Protein backbone atom coordinates (compact mmCIF):
# COMPACT_ATOMS: atom_id res chain seq x y z
CA UNK A 1 0.00 0.00 0.00
CA UNK A 2 1.24 3.49 -0.85
CA UNK A 3 0.29 7.04 0.06
CA UNK A 4 -2.48 8.10 -2.37
CA UNK A 5 -1.41 10.28 -5.30
CA UNK A 6 -4.31 12.60 -4.60
CA UNK A 7 -5.43 13.31 -1.07
CA UNK A 8 -8.88 12.02 -0.18
CA UNK A 9 -11.67 14.40 0.68
CA UNK A 10 -12.75 14.78 4.28
CA UNK A 11 -15.88 12.70 3.62
CA UNK A 12 -13.86 9.97 1.91
CA UNK A 13 -11.45 9.76 4.85
CA UNK A 14 -14.21 9.26 7.39
CA UNK A 15 -16.20 6.91 5.17
CA UNK A 16 -13.13 4.72 4.90
CA UNK A 17 -12.52 4.83 8.66
CA UNK A 18 -16.09 3.71 9.31
CA UNK A 19 -15.63 0.90 6.81
CA UNK A 20 -12.49 -0.25 8.65
CA UNK A 21 -14.40 -0.21 11.94
CA UNK A 22 -17.18 -2.56 10.87
CA UNK A 23 -15.62 -5.67 12.47
CA UNK A 24 -14.57 -3.94 15.71
CA UNK A 25 -16.18 -4.77 19.02
CA UNK A 26 -19.26 -2.49 19.26
CA UNK A 27 -18.34 -1.06 22.65
CA UNK A 28 -20.76 1.87 22.56
CA UNK A 29 -23.64 -0.61 22.77
CA UNK A 30 -22.57 -1.46 26.32
CA UNK A 31 -22.11 -5.15 25.49
CA UNK A 32 -18.34 -5.17 25.98
CA UNK A 33 -17.11 -6.52 29.33
CA UNK A 34 -13.37 -5.77 29.03
CA UNK A 35 -10.96 -3.16 27.65
CA UNK A 36 -13.49 -0.28 27.50
CA UNK A 37 -14.43 2.18 30.25
CA UNK A 38 -17.44 4.17 29.12
CA UNK A 39 -18.91 7.07 31.17
CA UNK A 40 -21.74 7.74 28.71
CA UNK A 41 -22.21 10.10 25.78
CA UNK A 42 -22.29 13.41 27.66
CA UNK A 43 -19.05 12.88 29.57
CA UNK A 44 -17.41 11.34 26.51
CA UNK A 45 -18.18 14.42 24.41
CA UNK A 46 -16.63 16.77 27.00
CA UNK A 47 -13.52 14.60 27.37
CA UNK A 48 -13.14 14.21 23.61
CA UNK A 49 -13.42 17.97 23.02
CA UNK A 50 -10.85 18.72 25.71
CA UNK A 51 -8.52 16.07 24.28
CA UNK A 52 -8.84 17.41 20.73
CA UNK A 53 -8.35 21.03 21.86
CA UNK A 54 -4.87 20.13 23.14
CA UNK A 55 -3.94 17.60 20.46
CA UNK A 56 -1.23 19.81 18.95
CA UNK A 57 0.37 21.09 22.15
CA UNK A 58 3.58 19.26 23.02
CA UNK A 59 4.08 18.08 26.57
CA UNK A 60 7.83 17.71 26.00
CA UNK A 61 8.82 21.21 27.17
CA UNK A 62 6.84 22.78 30.02
CA UNK A 63 8.43 26.17 29.31
CA UNK A 64 6.82 26.21 25.86
CA UNK A 65 3.37 25.06 27.01
CA UNK A 66 2.93 25.98 30.67
CA UNK A 67 -0.79 25.14 30.46
CA UNK A 68 0.14 21.47 30.00
CA UNK A 69 2.38 21.69 33.08
CA UNK A 70 -0.42 23.29 35.07
CA UNK A 71 -2.93 20.61 34.08
CA UNK A 72 -0.46 17.84 34.88
CA UNK A 73 0.30 19.31 38.29
CA UNK A 74 -3.41 19.62 39.04
CA UNK A 75 -4.19 16.07 37.86
CA UNK A 76 -1.32 14.70 39.96
CA UNK A 77 -2.42 16.77 42.97
CA UNK A 78 -6.01 15.49 42.69
CA UNK A 79 -4.71 11.93 42.35
CA UNK A 80 -2.43 12.25 45.38
CA UNK A 81 -5.25 13.65 47.51
CA UNK A 82 -7.55 10.89 46.26
CA UNK A 83 -5.05 8.30 47.52
CA UNK A 84 -4.63 10.09 50.87
CA UNK A 85 -1.15 11.37 50.16
CA UNK A 86 0.27 14.20 52.25
CA UNK A 87 1.92 17.40 51.02
CA UNK A 88 5.14 15.51 50.23
CA UNK A 89 3.57 13.11 47.70
CA UNK A 90 4.57 13.88 44.11
CA UNK A 91 4.03 12.19 40.78
CA UNK A 92 4.00 12.26 37.01
CA UNK A 93 1.42 11.84 34.27
CA UNK A 94 2.07 8.88 31.95
CA UNK A 95 0.52 7.27 28.89
CA UNK A 96 -0.90 4.29 30.77
CA UNK A 97 -0.30 1.59 33.34
CA UNK A 98 2.60 0.04 31.46
CA UNK A 99 4.55 3.28 31.40
CA UNK A 100 3.71 3.94 35.05
CA UNK A 101 5.04 0.54 36.05
CA UNK A 102 8.17 0.94 33.92
CA UNK A 103 8.78 4.23 35.74
CA UNK A 104 8.30 2.57 39.13
CA UNK A 105 10.76 -0.20 38.29
CA UNK A 106 13.29 2.27 36.88
CA UNK A 107 13.07 4.39 40.02
CA UNK A 108 13.66 1.30 42.17
CA UNK A 109 16.58 0.14 40.02
CA UNK A 110 18.32 3.51 39.95
CA UNK A 111 17.65 4.05 43.66
CA UNK A 112 19.42 0.76 44.32
CA UNK A 113 22.31 1.69 42.02
CA UNK A 114 22.97 4.79 44.10
CA UNK A 115 22.18 3.48 47.56
CA UNK A 116 23.01 -0.24 47.32
CA UNK A 117 26.00 -0.51 44.95
CA UNK A 118 26.59 -4.14 45.95
CA UNK A 119 23.44 -5.22 44.09
CA UNK A 120 24.64 -6.35 40.67
CA UNK A 121 21.58 -8.36 39.64
CA UNK A 122 18.53 -6.50 40.97
CA UNK A 123 15.35 -8.46 41.67
CA UNK A 124 11.71 -7.59 42.33
CA UNK A 125 9.34 -9.98 44.08
CA UNK A 126 6.07 -10.38 42.19
CA UNK A 127 2.99 -12.32 43.28
CA UNK A 128 1.91 -14.42 40.31
CA UNK A 129 -1.13 -12.16 39.95
CA UNK A 130 1.06 -9.07 39.36
CA UNK A 131 0.45 -7.47 35.99
CA UNK A 132 2.48 -8.61 33.00
CA UNK A 133 3.83 -5.07 32.64
CA UNK A 134 6.14 -5.72 35.59
CA UNK A 135 7.71 -8.55 33.59
CA UNK A 136 7.94 -6.23 30.60
CA UNK A 137 9.62 -3.57 32.74
CA UNK A 138 12.05 -6.15 34.09
CA UNK A 139 12.85 -7.29 30.57
CA UNK A 140 13.53 -3.74 29.41
CA UNK A 141 15.43 -2.59 32.50
CA UNK A 142 17.41 -5.66 33.52
CA UNK A 143 15.51 -6.31 36.75
CA UNK A 144 14.80 -9.98 37.45
CA UNK A 145 11.19 -10.88 38.32
CA UNK A 146 11.00 -13.38 41.19
CA UNK A 147 7.48 -14.80 40.97
CA UNK A 148 5.84 -16.25 44.08
CA UNK A 149 2.54 -18.11 44.48
CA UNK A 150 -0.62 -16.50 45.82
CA UNK A 151 -3.30 -17.99 48.06
CA UNK A 152 -5.05 -20.68 46.00
CA UNK A 153 -8.52 -19.71 47.21
CA UNK A 154 -8.55 -15.93 47.57
CA UNK A 155 -5.87 -15.23 44.91
CA UNK A 156 -4.36 -12.59 47.19
CA UNK A 157 -0.61 -12.29 47.65
CA UNK A 158 0.94 -14.68 50.18
CA UNK A 159 3.05 -12.48 52.47
CA UNK A 160 5.05 -15.45 53.78
CA UNK A 161 5.91 -16.46 50.20
CA UNK A 162 7.02 -12.90 49.49
CA UNK A 163 9.14 -12.88 52.64
CA UNK A 164 10.80 -16.18 51.71
CA UNK A 165 11.64 -14.85 48.22
CA UNK A 166 13.57 -11.80 49.46
CA UNK A 167 17.32 -12.01 48.86
CA UNK A 168 20.20 -9.52 49.15
CA UNK A 169 19.43 -8.60 45.51
CA UNK A 170 15.80 -7.63 46.15
CA UNK A 171 15.13 -3.97 45.42
CA UNK A 172 11.32 -3.87 45.14
CA UNK A 173 8.19 -5.55 46.50
CA UNK A 174 4.90 -5.38 44.60
CA UNK A 175 1.24 -5.64 45.53
CA UNK A 176 -1.95 -5.05 43.55
CA UNK A 177 -5.07 -3.06 44.34
CA UNK A 178 -6.78 -4.66 42.54
CA UNK A 179 -5.25 -7.52 40.61
CA UNK A 180 -6.69 -7.57 37.11
CA UNK A 181 -7.35 -11.29 36.78
CA UNK A 182 -9.55 -11.78 39.87
CA UNK A 183 -10.41 -8.29 41.09
CA UNK A 184 -8.96 -8.61 44.59
CA UNK A 185 -6.75 -6.39 46.76
CA UNK A 186 -3.51 -7.87 48.05
CA UNK A 187 -2.68 -7.56 51.79
CA UNK A 188 -0.93 -4.22 51.31
CA UNK A 189 -0.71 -3.35 55.01
CA UNK A 190 1.18 -6.59 55.71
CA UNK A 191 3.39 -6.09 52.66
CA UNK A 192 4.10 -2.55 53.85
CA UNK A 193 5.23 -3.85 57.23
CA UNK A 194 7.48 -6.37 55.50
CA UNK A 195 8.97 -3.61 53.33
CA UNK A 196 9.73 -1.55 56.42
CA UNK A 197 11.31 -4.53 58.18
CA UNK A 198 13.58 -5.26 55.22
CA UNK A 199 14.16 -1.61 54.23
CA UNK A 200 12.72 -2.18 50.74
CA UNK A 201 10.59 -0.15 48.38
CA UNK A 202 6.97 -1.24 47.94
CA UNK A 203 4.98 -0.36 44.84
CA UNK A 204 1.20 -0.71 44.85
CA UNK A 205 -0.21 -1.33 41.38
CA UNK A 206 -3.50 0.57 41.59
CA UNK A 207 -3.73 0.97 37.82
CA UNK A 208 -6.92 -1.06 37.66
CA UNK A 209 -8.60 -0.31 40.97
CA UNK A 210 -6.81 2.49 42.75
CA UNK A 211 -9.30 5.12 41.62
CA UNK A 212 -12.67 3.42 42.09
CA UNK A 213 -11.81 1.52 45.29
CA UNK A 214 -12.00 4.81 47.19
CA UNK A 215 -15.64 5.19 46.17
CA UNK A 216 -16.44 1.57 46.98
CA UNK A 217 -15.15 2.29 50.49
CA UNK A 218 -17.26 5.45 50.76
CA UNK A 219 -20.34 3.42 49.86
CA UNK A 220 -19.61 1.00 52.70
CA UNK A 221 -17.89 -1.85 50.87
CA UNK A 222 -15.15 -3.57 52.89
CA UNK A 223 -12.01 -2.35 51.05
CA UNK A 224 -8.63 -3.40 52.47
CA UNK A 225 -6.12 -0.60 53.10
CA UNK A 226 -3.88 0.04 50.10
CA UNK A 227 -3.04 3.75 49.70
CA UNK A 228 -0.53 6.21 51.20
CA UNK A 229 -2.06 5.76 54.65
CA UNK A 230 -0.27 2.41 54.74
CA UNK A 231 3.25 2.71 56.21
CA UNK A 232 5.83 1.20 53.87
CA UNK A 233 4.08 2.06 50.61
CA UNK A 234 6.58 4.11 48.61
CA UNK A 235 4.81 4.43 45.25
CA UNK A 236 1.40 3.87 43.68
CA UNK A 237 0.31 3.77 40.05
CA UNK A 238 -3.27 4.63 39.08
CA UNK A 239 -4.78 4.67 35.60
CA UNK A 240 -7.19 7.49 34.86
CA UNK A 241 -8.30 6.03 31.52
CA UNK A 242 -9.92 3.11 33.30
CA UNK A 243 -12.48 3.90 35.98
CA UNK A 244 -11.81 7.64 36.07
CA UNK A 245 -13.04 7.41 32.45
CA UNK A 246 -10.39 9.69 30.92
CA UNK A 247 -9.45 9.21 27.29
CA UNK A 248 -6.61 6.76 26.64
CA UNK A 249 -3.77 7.04 27.50
CA UNK A 250 -3.84 8.58 30.92
CA UNK A 251 -2.21 7.29 34.09
CA UNK A 252 -0.25 8.63 37.04
CA UNK A 253 2.71 7.31 38.99
CA UNK A 254 2.92 8.74 42.51
CA UNK A 255 5.80 8.64 45.01
CA UNK A 256 5.83 9.31 48.73
CA UNK A 257 8.37 12.08 48.18
CA UNK A 258 10.32 13.77 45.41
CA UNK A 259 13.63 12.22 46.49
CA UNK A 260 12.40 8.89 45.14
CA UNK A 261 10.73 10.32 42.04
CA UNK A 262 14.00 11.82 40.77
CA UNK A 263 15.32 8.29 40.09
CA UNK A 264 12.53 7.92 37.54
CA UNK A 265 13.73 10.88 35.49
CA UNK A 266 16.24 10.99 32.65
CA UNK A 267 18.45 13.81 31.33
CA UNK A 268 20.94 13.93 28.47
CA UNK A 269 23.04 16.82 27.22
CA UNK A 270 25.68 14.51 25.73
CA UNK A 271 24.93 15.37 22.10
CA UNK A 272 24.80 18.41 19.78
CA UNK A 273 21.05 19.02 19.91
CA UNK A 274 18.71 20.41 22.54
CA UNK A 275 19.09 19.19 26.12
CA UNK A 276 16.76 16.24 26.76
CA UNK A 277 15.08 16.06 30.16
CA UNK A 278 12.20 13.60 30.54
CA UNK A 279 10.25 12.93 33.73
CA UNK A 280 8.83 9.71 32.21
CA UNK A 281 9.61 7.37 29.30
CA UNK A 282 8.15 9.55 26.56
CA UNK A 283 9.73 12.66 25.11
CA UNK A 284 7.46 14.37 22.59
CA UNK A 285 3.86 13.74 23.58
CA UNK A 286 0.53 15.35 22.86
CA UNK A 287 -1.00 17.31 25.73
CA UNK A 288 -4.37 15.91 24.61
CA UNK A 289 -4.44 13.04 27.12
CA UNK A 290 -3.56 15.40 29.99
CA UNK A 291 -6.37 17.75 29.00
CA UNK A 292 -8.78 14.82 28.61
CA UNK A 293 -7.93 13.47 32.08
CA UNK A 294 -8.23 16.93 33.65
CA UNK A 295 -11.61 17.42 31.96
CA UNK A 296 -12.88 14.00 33.11
CA UNK A 297 -12.06 14.68 36.75
CA UNK A 298 -13.52 18.18 36.62
CA UNK A 299 -16.70 17.28 34.72
CA UNK A 300 -17.69 14.04 36.45
CA UNK A 301 -16.71 15.09 39.97
CA UNK A 302 -17.10 13.23 43.25
CA UNK A 303 -20.88 12.89 43.01
CA UNK A 304 -20.68 11.50 39.47
CA UNK A 305 -18.06 8.93 40.41
CA UNK A 306 -20.12 7.84 43.42
CA UNK A 307 -23.14 7.32 41.14
CA UNK A 308 -21.04 5.27 38.72
CA UNK A 309 -19.66 3.20 41.59
CA UNK A 310 -23.09 2.47 43.02
CA UNK A 311 -24.27 1.19 39.63
CA UNK A 312 -21.32 -1.10 38.97
CA UNK A 313 -21.22 -2.35 42.58
CA UNK A 314 -24.87 -3.42 42.45
CA UNK A 315 -24.42 -5.07 39.05
CA UNK A 316 -21.32 -6.90 40.29
CA UNK A 317 -23.25 -8.30 43.23
CA UNK A 318 -25.98 -9.51 40.87
CA UNK A 319 -23.45 -11.19 38.57
CA UNK A 320 -21.64 -12.85 41.49
CA UNK A 321 -24.96 -14.23 42.78
CA UNK A 322 -25.84 -15.60 39.32
CA UNK A 323 -22.48 -17.33 38.96
CA UNK A 324 -22.76 -18.81 42.45
CA UNK A 325 -26.20 -20.16 41.52
CA UNK A 326 -25.05 -21.81 38.29
CA UNK A 327 -23.86 -25.39 38.97
CA UNK A 328 -21.55 -25.29 35.93
CA UNK A 329 -19.71 -22.09 36.90
CA UNK A 330 -17.57 -21.12 39.90
CA UNK A 331 -16.17 -17.78 40.94
CA UNK A 332 -12.41 -17.47 41.36
CA UNK A 333 -11.84 -15.49 44.53
CA UNK A 334 -14.27 -12.89 45.90
CA UNK A 335 -13.95 -9.56 44.08
CA UNK A 336 -13.26 -6.36 46.02
CA UNK A 337 -14.38 -4.24 43.09
CA UNK A 338 -16.29 -4.55 39.82
CA UNK A 339 -13.92 -7.04 38.16
CA UNK A 340 -14.27 -10.79 38.50
CA UNK A 341 -13.45 -14.09 36.88
CA UNK A 342 -15.15 -17.47 36.80
CA UNK A 343 -14.18 -20.96 35.72
CA UNK A 344 -15.95 -24.25 35.03
CA UNK A 345 -15.22 -27.87 35.85
CA UNK A 346 -17.82 -29.21 33.43
CA UNK A 347 -17.65 -27.11 30.26
CA UNK A 348 -15.01 -25.29 28.21
CA UNK A 349 -14.94 -21.60 29.10
CA UNK A 350 -13.32 -20.99 25.71
CA UNK A 351 -16.46 -22.28 23.98
CA UNK A 352 -18.61 -20.19 26.32
CA UNK A 353 -16.68 -17.08 25.28
CA UNK A 354 -17.15 -17.91 21.59
CA UNK A 355 -20.86 -18.56 22.08
CA UNK A 356 -21.22 -15.23 23.88
CA UNK A 357 -19.49 -13.53 20.97
CA UNK A 358 -22.08 -15.07 18.63
CA UNK A 359 -24.68 -13.21 20.68
CA UNK A 360 -22.70 -9.96 20.39
CA UNK A 361 -21.22 -10.00 23.88
CA UNK A 362 -17.51 -9.56 24.40
CA UNK A 363 -16.18 -11.42 27.45
CA UNK A 364 -12.48 -12.01 27.99
CA UNK A 365 -11.00 -15.53 28.18
CA UNK A 366 -7.91 -15.95 30.38
CA UNK A 367 -5.50 -18.88 30.13
CA UNK A 368 -4.61 -21.14 33.04
CA UNK A 369 -1.61 -20.13 35.13
CA UNK A 370 -0.46 -21.40 38.51
CA UNK A 371 -3.47 -22.28 40.63
CA UNK A 372 -5.84 -20.24 38.46
CA UNK A 373 -7.55 -22.42 35.84
CA UNK A 374 -8.64 -21.13 32.44
CA UNK A 375 -11.48 -18.70 33.04
CA UNK A 376 -13.62 -15.83 31.80
CA UNK A 377 -12.99 -12.30 33.02
CA UNK A 378 -15.57 -9.53 33.28
CA UNK A 379 -14.98 -5.82 33.83
CA UNK A 380 -18.30 -4.18 34.70
CA UNK A 381 -18.89 -0.67 33.34
CA UNK A 382 -21.65 1.87 33.98
CA UNK A 383 -22.91 1.65 30.40
CA UNK A 384 -23.04 -2.17 30.62
CA UNK A 385 -25.18 -2.25 33.77
CA UNK A 386 -28.45 -1.91 31.82
CA UNK A 387 -27.62 -5.19 30.07
CA UNK A 388 -26.86 -7.22 33.20
CA UNK A 389 -30.01 -9.37 33.18
CA UNK A 390 -29.82 -9.98 29.43
CA UNK A 391 -26.13 -10.85 29.63
CA UNK A 392 -26.69 -13.30 32.48
CA UNK A 393 -29.56 -14.99 30.62
CA UNK A 394 -27.36 -15.43 27.55
CA UNK A 395 -24.45 -16.62 29.70
CA UNK A 396 -26.63 -19.40 31.12
CA UNK A 397 -27.81 -20.37 27.62
CA UNK A 398 -24.30 -20.27 26.16
CA UNK A 399 -22.99 -22.41 29.01
CA UNK A 400 -25.61 -25.04 28.21
CA UNK A 401 -24.79 -24.94 24.49
CA UNK A 402 -21.06 -25.19 25.14
CA UNK A 403 -21.58 -28.46 27.03
CA UNK A 404 -22.25 -30.27 23.77
CA UNK A 405 -19.10 -28.95 22.07
CA UNK A 406 -15.94 -31.07 22.00
CA UNK A 407 -13.15 -29.96 24.30
CA UNK A 408 -10.14 -31.50 25.97
CA UNK A 409 -9.20 -33.57 22.92
CA UNK A 410 -6.66 -31.17 21.42
CA UNK A 411 -4.66 -30.37 24.56
CA UNK A 412 -3.05 -33.82 25.07
CA UNK A 413 -2.14 -34.00 21.37
CA UNK A 414 -0.50 -30.57 21.57
CA UNK A 415 1.37 -31.46 24.76
CA UNK A 416 2.62 -34.75 23.29
CA UNK A 417 3.70 -33.25 19.97
CA UNK A 418 5.12 -29.90 21.06
CA UNK A 419 5.31 -29.71 24.85
CA UNK A 420 8.97 -30.72 24.90
CA UNK A 421 10.10 -28.01 22.48
CA UNK A 422 12.32 -25.17 23.61
CA UNK A 423 11.09 -21.77 22.35
CA UNK A 424 14.17 -21.41 20.14
CA UNK A 425 13.17 -24.61 18.32
CA UNK A 426 9.87 -23.13 17.10
CA UNK A 427 10.63 -23.22 13.37
CA UNK A 428 8.29 -21.92 10.68
CA UNK A 429 7.13 -25.46 9.93
CA UNK A 430 6.32 -26.16 13.59
CA UNK A 431 4.62 -22.77 13.88
CA UNK A 432 2.40 -23.43 10.86
CA UNK A 433 1.63 -26.94 12.13
CA UNK A 434 0.50 -25.55 15.48
CA UNK A 435 -1.69 -22.95 13.81
CA UNK A 436 -3.17 -25.63 11.58
CA UNK A 437 -4.09 -27.77 14.58
CA UNK A 438 -5.81 -24.70 16.05
CA UNK A 439 -7.77 -24.17 12.85
CA UNK A 440 -5.98 -20.98 11.81
CA UNK A 441 -5.41 -20.43 8.12
CA UNK A 442 -3.32 -17.61 6.70
CA UNK A 443 -3.08 -14.34 8.58
CA UNK A 444 -6.77 -13.47 8.91
CA UNK A 445 -8.27 -13.15 12.37
CA UNK A 446 -10.35 -16.26 13.15
CA UNK A 447 -14.02 -15.98 13.99
CA UNK A 448 -13.86 -18.44 16.88
CA UNK A 449 -10.98 -18.61 19.31
CA UNK A 450 -11.72 -21.73 21.38
CA UNK A 451 -9.24 -24.01 19.61
CA UNK A 452 -6.52 -21.35 19.59
CA UNK A 453 -6.99 -20.77 23.30
CA UNK A 454 -6.98 -24.51 23.92
CA UNK A 455 -3.64 -24.79 22.09
CA UNK A 456 -2.13 -21.92 24.05
CA UNK A 457 -3.52 -23.29 27.30
CA UNK A 458 -1.87 -26.66 26.68
CA UNK A 459 1.63 -25.29 26.00
CA UNK A 460 4.32 -24.46 28.56
CA UNK A 461 4.43 -20.72 29.27
CA UNK A 462 7.74 -19.99 27.43
CA UNK A 463 6.53 -21.79 24.30
CA UNK A 464 3.14 -20.10 24.60
CA UNK A 465 4.84 -16.71 24.63
CA UNK A 466 7.05 -17.55 21.66
CA UNK A 467 4.06 -18.73 19.64
CA UNK A 468 2.20 -15.50 20.37
CA UNK A 469 5.20 -13.41 19.30
CA UNK A 470 5.49 -15.36 16.05
CA UNK A 471 1.78 -14.97 15.34
CA UNK A 472 1.82 -11.24 16.10
CA UNK A 473 4.87 -10.87 13.89
CA UNK A 474 2.84 -12.29 11.01
CA UNK A 475 -0.38 -10.44 11.86
CA UNK A 476 1.21 -7.00 11.69
CA UNK A 477 2.44 -6.93 8.13
CA UNK A 478 2.90 -4.61 5.18
């Protein structure tokens, strides 16, 4: 494909964009139970206008666009107050949870370089429910993830397992509030005490739940302590493009004081161009996301967020009760917020997900890992609440229909044929053979994903990851 010889008209551009969008998940219908955080049309229009009004301003240099600096400082200040930080808490605006976590890991690594020079191979202790972005940060920054098991029933971090994993190379402990997979808060107060005992940094990943948990608590839900009121917590990440409903990408990374935040920053004057000084990973960046986040917080306000929380809390309770009442489904853990996951011992959840897609619902399948079996994840949004009864009725029907579909036959064949392979031995022939067994032809996206997920679920994690990389490398093509 080449740039067109003649530029398209405005109408042609948008007609083509709508054509491209026809197979996308129809999230505005409220039938999407992952990935999307929808505050409704009125709030969306305000956020979108604010975002677009600052699309061209560059957040790289605060001296050129002081309005972007002002908005960032105000967003960070509101976030710090929201998480009960004192006047010493500082932070930065980032593009999302991944960047926030990369910043947290970099700050911990560089803090250790300066204060613990004997640490040559830095490590961070991660409960197995910690977000994959910690592994990504470790991969990029040379920090070794030490993964420890969580409680097999509650899926909360096991503090004793974390304690046993600490070595002289440990530079960072991690807890989640909430963990994405099961929607639960780790025992942050106990982890904070452990961090104080061992003189270690503790990062709380509140990207998913840090914002809305405060409103759950205000409505009387039993929310475990997780914010800056907990001694030992040194940093917290919190996404604003999730349940603060800002436009993507908008997140904050907060530190207990500016002495720790400075390890996150980067400066370079060792070249012939302008001096580079970056508080986060990005350099040039649109001020649009900052303006969108600022507008979301200002427009929705405390009362609006409480109304949203009440809606999703009540819907979550209804969904939990329906899953508990279904003999073919079982909840994994007990959610502290409006995210949950459920498994089945009698039917393939991968087929359930496909059947739900046939009925125009998007639910998110998750592969088995550790003590968590393959399952379906739901993120409950305000715009989805009106569909709760209809979704639950279809879930029951799809579960019944999935019972008659073959499952469990492919996994042993995959394990026998490929389970012994090292990732480096995944040749093109083996790759194509695996895709063929999963029913994938060419590079088009398949309509049903059950067999693909069954293949991935059957493979060892390193081979699973290599297969996904190879597939993605083919999917994104010229």
